[in-house]
Protein backbone atom coordinates (compact mmCIF):
# COMPACT_ATOMS: atom_id res chain seq x y z
CA ASN A 1 -11.60 -17.25 -24.23
CA THR A 2 -8.07 -17.86 -24.05
CA TYR A 3 -5.77 -20.69 -23.07
CA ARG A 4 -3.80 -20.39 -19.55
CA ALA A 5 -3.52 -16.43 -20.59
CA VAL A 6 -2.72 -15.48 -16.53
CA SER A 7 -2.32 -12.28 -15.15
CA PRO A 8 0.09 -12.08 -11.77
CA LEU A 9 -1.78 -9.20 -10.78
CA ALA A 10 -5.48 -10.69 -10.86
CA PRO A 11 -6.35 -12.18 -7.28
CA PHE A 12 -6.83 -15.96 -7.70
CA GLY A 13 -7.08 -18.83 -5.04
CA GLY A 14 -9.33 -18.54 -1.98
CA HIS A 15 -11.29 -21.49 -1.76
CA GLY A 16 -11.41 -24.16 0.65
CA LEU A 17 -8.09 -24.60 3.17
CA SER A 18 -5.69 -24.62 0.27
CA GLY A 19 -3.98 -21.51 1.72
CA HIS A 20 -3.86 -19.27 -1.42
CA GLY A 21 -6.10 -16.58 -1.16
CA ARG A 22 -7.16 -13.32 -2.80
CA GLU A 23 -5.38 -11.32 -0.25
CA GLY A 24 -2.22 -11.45 -2.28
CA GLY A 25 -3.73 -9.96 -4.97
CA ALA A 26 -2.41 -6.18 -6.35
CA ASN A 27 -5.69 -4.67 -5.42
CA ALA A 28 -5.88 -6.02 -1.76
CA VAL A 29 -2.72 -4.51 -0.78
CA LEU A 30 -5.01 -1.20 -0.53
CA ASP A 31 -7.69 -3.21 2.35
CA TYR A 32 -3.92 -3.27 4.96
CA THR A 33 -2.64 0.16 3.71
CA THR A 34 -3.13 3.48 5.03
CA THR A 35 -2.29 7.51 4.04
CA LYS A 36 0.54 8.77 6.55
CA THR A 37 1.13 13.00 6.33
CA VAL A 38 4.63 12.85 7.06
CA TRP A 39 6.78 16.44 7.09
CA LEU A 40 10.68 16.26 6.97
CA ARG A 41 12.68 19.35 7.59
CA THR A 42 15.19 20.03 4.90
CA SER A 43 17.00 22.90 5.93
CA ASP A 44 19.87 23.34 8.07
CA GLU A 45 18.84 26.78 9.54
CA PRO A 46 17.33 26.92 13.07
CA ILE A 47 13.56 26.75 14.02
CA ASP A 48 13.13 30.09 16.47
CA ASP A 49 9.86 28.46 17.72
CA PRO A 50 8.46 25.69 15.85
CA PHE A 51 5.04 26.21 16.78
CA VAL A 52 4.27 29.49 15.61
CA MET A 53 1.96 29.45 13.00
CA ARG A 54 3.91 31.23 9.62
């Protein structure tokens, strides 16, 4: 055991009506996020038909 060894990434709190919950921890961010795919066009060349399979 170590005296006052604290990591800011470790979830803490969440007891009673303290106002501090475990939702602020680094691992809890994954519960509030989802993976999203984004396609960006980086070319200036015109597209003939964007719905043609290439």
